Each structure stands twice: as C-alpha cells, then as structure tokens.
C-alpha cells in the first residue's frame, strides 16, 4: 500500500471462497475477505481498512464461478 505495488497470494481463491458465502453487506464482505486473505498473507493492522477496500474492489470485478 502507500503507493507500493502489493501482491496477494491466492487472491482468486480467497475471493471465490467469500463469494460462495453470499454475504450481502460491504462491511461483512470486507471482513470476510480480510480474514481469508490473512491466512496466506501478512496484512499490517494499520492497513486492514485499505486492504479491505482494495479487496472489495477486486471482489466486485470477479464473477461467481459455479461448478
């Protein structure tokens, strides 16, 4: 963050996991994304809000994949 490019390990998988939960509100979705992404990535506590916003933007871009 802060202008530095940041990669997220297993981003697509994390988003897919949250999508199948069918959460409705943006705060719920952001919290679920942060929780899932933190399993595989280090997110500094001071940046959780910024990460949550960025993750939510990516979440909205990704269609729900049904198998």
N, C-alpha and C. Protein backbone atom coordinates (compact mmCIF):
# COMPACT_ATOMS: atom_id res chain seq x y z
N UNK A 1 0.85 -1.17 0.00
CA UNK A 1 0.00 0.00 0.00
C UNK A 1 0.90 1.24 0.00
N UNK A 2 0.34 2.37 0.21
CA UNK A 2 1.09 3.63 0.21
C UNK A 2 1.89 3.81 -1.07
N UNK A 3 1.29 3.43 -2.20
CA UNK A 3 1.96 3.61 -3.47
C UNK A 3 2.91 2.51 -3.85
N UNK A 4 3.05 1.51 -3.02
CA UNK A 4 3.95 0.40 -3.30
C UNK A 4 3.11 -0.77 -3.81
N UNK A 5 3.43 -1.30 -5.01
CA UNK A 5 2.66 -2.45 -5.51
C UNK A 5 2.72 -3.61 -4.51
N UNK A 6 1.57 -4.23 -4.31
CA UNK A 6 1.46 -5.31 -3.34
C UNK A 6 0.79 -6.51 -3.99
N UNK A 7 1.40 -7.67 -3.83
CA UNK A 7 0.79 -8.89 -4.36
C UNK A 7 0.09 -9.64 -3.24
N UNK A 8 -0.97 -10.32 -3.60
CA UNK A 8 -1.73 -11.12 -2.64
C UNK A 8 -1.68 -12.58 -3.10
N UNK A 9 -1.17 -13.45 -2.24
CA UNK A 9 -1.10 -14.87 -2.54
C UNK A 9 -2.51 -15.45 -2.47
N UNK A 10 -2.88 -16.24 -3.48
CA UNK A 10 -4.16 -16.94 -3.56
C UNK A 10 -5.37 -15.99 -3.55
N UNK A 11 -5.23 -14.83 -4.17
CA UNK A 11 -6.31 -13.84 -4.18
C UNK A 11 -7.58 -14.41 -4.80
N UNK A 12 -7.48 -15.01 -5.98
CA UNK A 12 -8.68 -15.52 -6.65
C UNK A 12 -9.38 -16.57 -5.80
N UNK A 13 -8.61 -17.44 -5.19
CA UNK A 13 -9.20 -18.48 -4.35
C UNK A 13 -9.89 -17.89 -3.12
N UNK A 14 -9.27 -16.88 -2.54
CA UNK A 14 -9.86 -16.22 -1.36
C UNK A 14 -11.17 -15.54 -1.74
N UNK A 15 -11.18 -14.85 -2.86
CA UNK A 15 -12.41 -14.18 -3.31
C UNK A 15 -13.49 -15.22 -3.60
N UNK A 16 -13.14 -16.29 -4.28
CA UNK A 16 -14.12 -17.34 -4.60
C UNK A 16 -14.71 -17.92 -3.31
N UNK A 17 -13.87 -18.14 -2.31
CA UNK A 17 -14.35 -18.68 -1.03
C UNK A 17 -15.37 -17.74 -0.38
N UNK A 18 -15.11 -16.45 -0.45
CA UNK A 18 -16.02 -15.48 0.16
C UNK A 18 -17.29 -15.34 -0.69
N UNK A 19 -17.16 -15.40 -2.01
CA UNK A 19 -18.33 -15.27 -2.89
C UNK A 19 -19.37 -16.34 -2.60
N UNK A 20 -18.95 -17.58 -2.35
CA UNK A 20 -19.92 -18.64 -2.13
C UNK A 20 -20.66 -18.48 -0.80
N UNK A 21 -20.16 -17.60 0.06
CA UNK A 21 -20.86 -17.33 1.33
C UNK A 21 -22.10 -16.46 1.11
N UNK A 22 -22.18 -15.81 -0.06
CA UNK A 22 -23.33 -14.98 -0.43
C UNK A 22 -23.64 -13.91 0.62
N UNK A 23 -22.59 -13.25 1.10
CA UNK A 23 -22.76 -12.16 2.06
C UNK A 23 -23.37 -10.96 1.35
N UNK A 24 -24.12 -10.16 2.07
CA UNK A 24 -24.86 -9.06 1.44
C UNK A 24 -24.24 -7.67 1.62
N UNK A 25 -23.69 -7.39 2.79
CA UNK A 25 -23.23 -6.02 3.03
C UNK A 25 -21.73 -5.89 2.77
N UNK A 26 -21.35 -4.69 2.34
CA UNK A 26 -19.93 -4.43 2.07
C UNK A 26 -19.05 -4.65 3.30
N UNK A 27 -19.44 -4.19 4.49
CA UNK A 27 -18.60 -4.45 5.66
C UNK A 27 -18.43 -5.95 5.95
N UNK A 28 -19.50 -6.73 5.80
CA UNK A 28 -19.40 -8.18 6.00
C UNK A 28 -18.42 -8.81 5.01
N UNK A 29 -18.54 -8.40 3.77
CA UNK A 29 -17.69 -8.94 2.70
C UNK A 29 -16.24 -8.56 2.95
N UNK A 30 -15.99 -7.30 3.27
CA UNK A 30 -14.62 -6.86 3.53
C UNK A 30 -14.01 -7.62 4.70
N UNK A 31 -14.78 -7.81 5.76
CA UNK A 31 -14.27 -8.53 6.93
C UNK A 31 -13.94 -9.99 6.56
N UNK A 32 -14.80 -10.62 5.78
CA UNK A 32 -14.56 -12.00 5.37
C UNK A 32 -13.34 -12.09 4.45
N UNK A 33 -13.18 -11.12 3.56
CA UNK A 33 -12.02 -11.10 2.67
C UNK A 33 -10.73 -10.94 3.46
N UNK A 34 -10.71 -9.99 4.38
CA UNK A 34 -9.52 -9.78 5.21
C UNK A 34 -9.18 -11.05 5.98
N UNK A 35 -10.18 -11.64 6.61
CA UNK A 35 -9.96 -12.85 7.40
C UNK A 35 -9.36 -13.96 6.53
N UNK A 36 -9.90 -14.15 5.34
CA UNK A 36 -9.43 -15.23 4.46
C UNK A 36 -8.04 -14.92 3.91
N UNK A 37 -7.82 -13.70 3.46
CA UNK A 37 -6.54 -13.32 2.87
C UNK A 37 -5.42 -13.38 3.91
N UNK A 38 -5.74 -13.06 5.16
CA UNK A 38 -4.72 -13.09 6.23
C UNK A 38 -4.21 -14.50 6.51
N UNK A 39 -4.95 -15.51 6.09
CA UNK A 39 -4.48 -16.89 6.27
C UNK A 39 -3.19 -17.11 5.47
N UNK A 40 -3.08 -16.47 4.31
CA UNK A 40 -1.96 -16.69 3.40
C UNK A 40 -1.02 -15.50 3.25
N UNK A 41 -1.41 -14.35 3.77
CA UNK A 41 -0.66 -13.11 3.56
C UNK A 41 -0.54 -12.32 4.85
N UNK A 42 0.55 -11.56 4.96
CA UNK A 42 0.73 -10.67 6.10
C UNK A 42 0.10 -9.33 5.77
N UNK A 43 -0.88 -8.93 6.56
CA UNK A 43 -1.51 -7.63 6.38
C UNK A 43 -1.29 -6.84 7.66
N UNK A 44 -0.51 -5.75 7.58
CA UNK A 44 -0.28 -4.94 8.77
C UNK A 44 -1.61 -4.38 9.31
N UNK A 45 -1.82 -4.46 10.60
CA UNK A 45 -3.08 -3.98 11.19
C UNK A 45 -3.44 -2.55 10.79
N UNK A 46 -2.44 -1.69 10.65
CA UNK A 46 -2.70 -0.29 10.28
C UNK A 46 -3.26 -0.15 8.86
N UNK A 47 -3.14 -1.21 8.04
CA UNK A 47 -3.56 -1.14 6.65
C UNK A 47 -4.78 -2.01 6.35
N UNK A 48 -5.38 -2.61 7.36
CA UNK A 48 -6.50 -3.51 7.11
C UNK A 48 -7.66 -2.82 6.40
N UNK A 49 -7.96 -1.58 6.76
CA UNK A 49 -9.05 -0.85 6.09
C UNK A 49 -8.75 -0.64 4.61
N UNK A 50 -7.52 -0.23 4.31
CA UNK A 50 -7.15 0.00 2.91
C UNK A 50 -7.16 -1.31 2.13
N UNK A 51 -6.64 -2.36 2.73
CA UNK A 51 -6.68 -3.67 2.08
C UNK A 51 -8.13 -4.11 1.87
N UNK A 52 -8.97 -3.90 2.88
CA UNK A 52 -10.37 -4.29 2.77
C UNK A 52 -11.06 -3.60 1.61
N UNK A 53 -10.78 -2.32 1.42
CA UNK A 53 -11.36 -1.57 0.30
C UNK A 53 -10.85 -2.10 -1.03
N UNK A 54 -9.55 -2.34 -1.12
CA UNK A 54 -8.97 -2.84 -2.37
C UNK A 54 -9.46 -4.25 -2.67
N UNK A 55 -9.54 -5.09 -1.65
CA UNK A 55 -10.04 -6.45 -1.85
C UNK A 55 -11.49 -6.44 -2.29
N UNK A 56 -12.29 -5.54 -1.71
CA UNK A 56 -13.69 -5.45 -2.10
C UNK A 56 -13.83 -5.03 -3.57
N UNK A 57 -12.97 -4.12 -4.02
CA UNK A 57 -13.00 -3.72 -5.44
C UNK A 57 -12.73 -4.92 -6.33
N UNK A 58 -11.76 -5.73 -5.97
CA UNK A 58 -11.44 -6.93 -6.75
C UNK A 58 -12.58 -7.95 -6.66
N UNK A 59 -13.19 -8.07 -5.51
CA UNK A 59 -14.32 -8.96 -5.28
C UNK A 59 -15.46 -8.62 -6.25
N UNK A 60 -15.74 -7.33 -6.38
CA UNK A 60 -16.84 -6.89 -7.26
C UNK A 60 -16.55 -7.19 -8.72
N UNK A 61 -15.29 -7.21 -9.11
CA UNK A 61 -14.91 -7.48 -10.51
C UNK A 61 -15.04 -8.95 -10.88
N UNK A 62 -14.91 -9.83 -9.90
CA UNK A 62 -14.85 -11.26 -10.19
C UNK A 62 -16.25 -11.88 -10.19
N UNK A 63 -16.62 -12.55 -11.28
CA UNK A 63 -17.93 -13.20 -11.31
C UNK A 63 -17.92 -14.45 -10.41
N UNK A 64 -19.09 -14.82 -9.94
CA UNK A 64 -19.24 -16.03 -9.15
C UNK A 64 -19.12 -17.23 -10.08
N UNK A 65 -18.19 -18.12 -9.80
CA UNK A 65 -17.99 -19.31 -10.62
C UNK A 65 -18.70 -20.47 -9.98
N UNK A 66 -19.64 -21.03 -10.69
CA UNK A 66 -20.36 -22.21 -10.19
C UNK A 66 -19.89 -23.42 -10.96
N UNK A 67 -19.60 -24.48 -10.21
CA UNK A 67 -19.11 -25.69 -10.87
C UNK A 67 -20.19 -26.72 -10.98
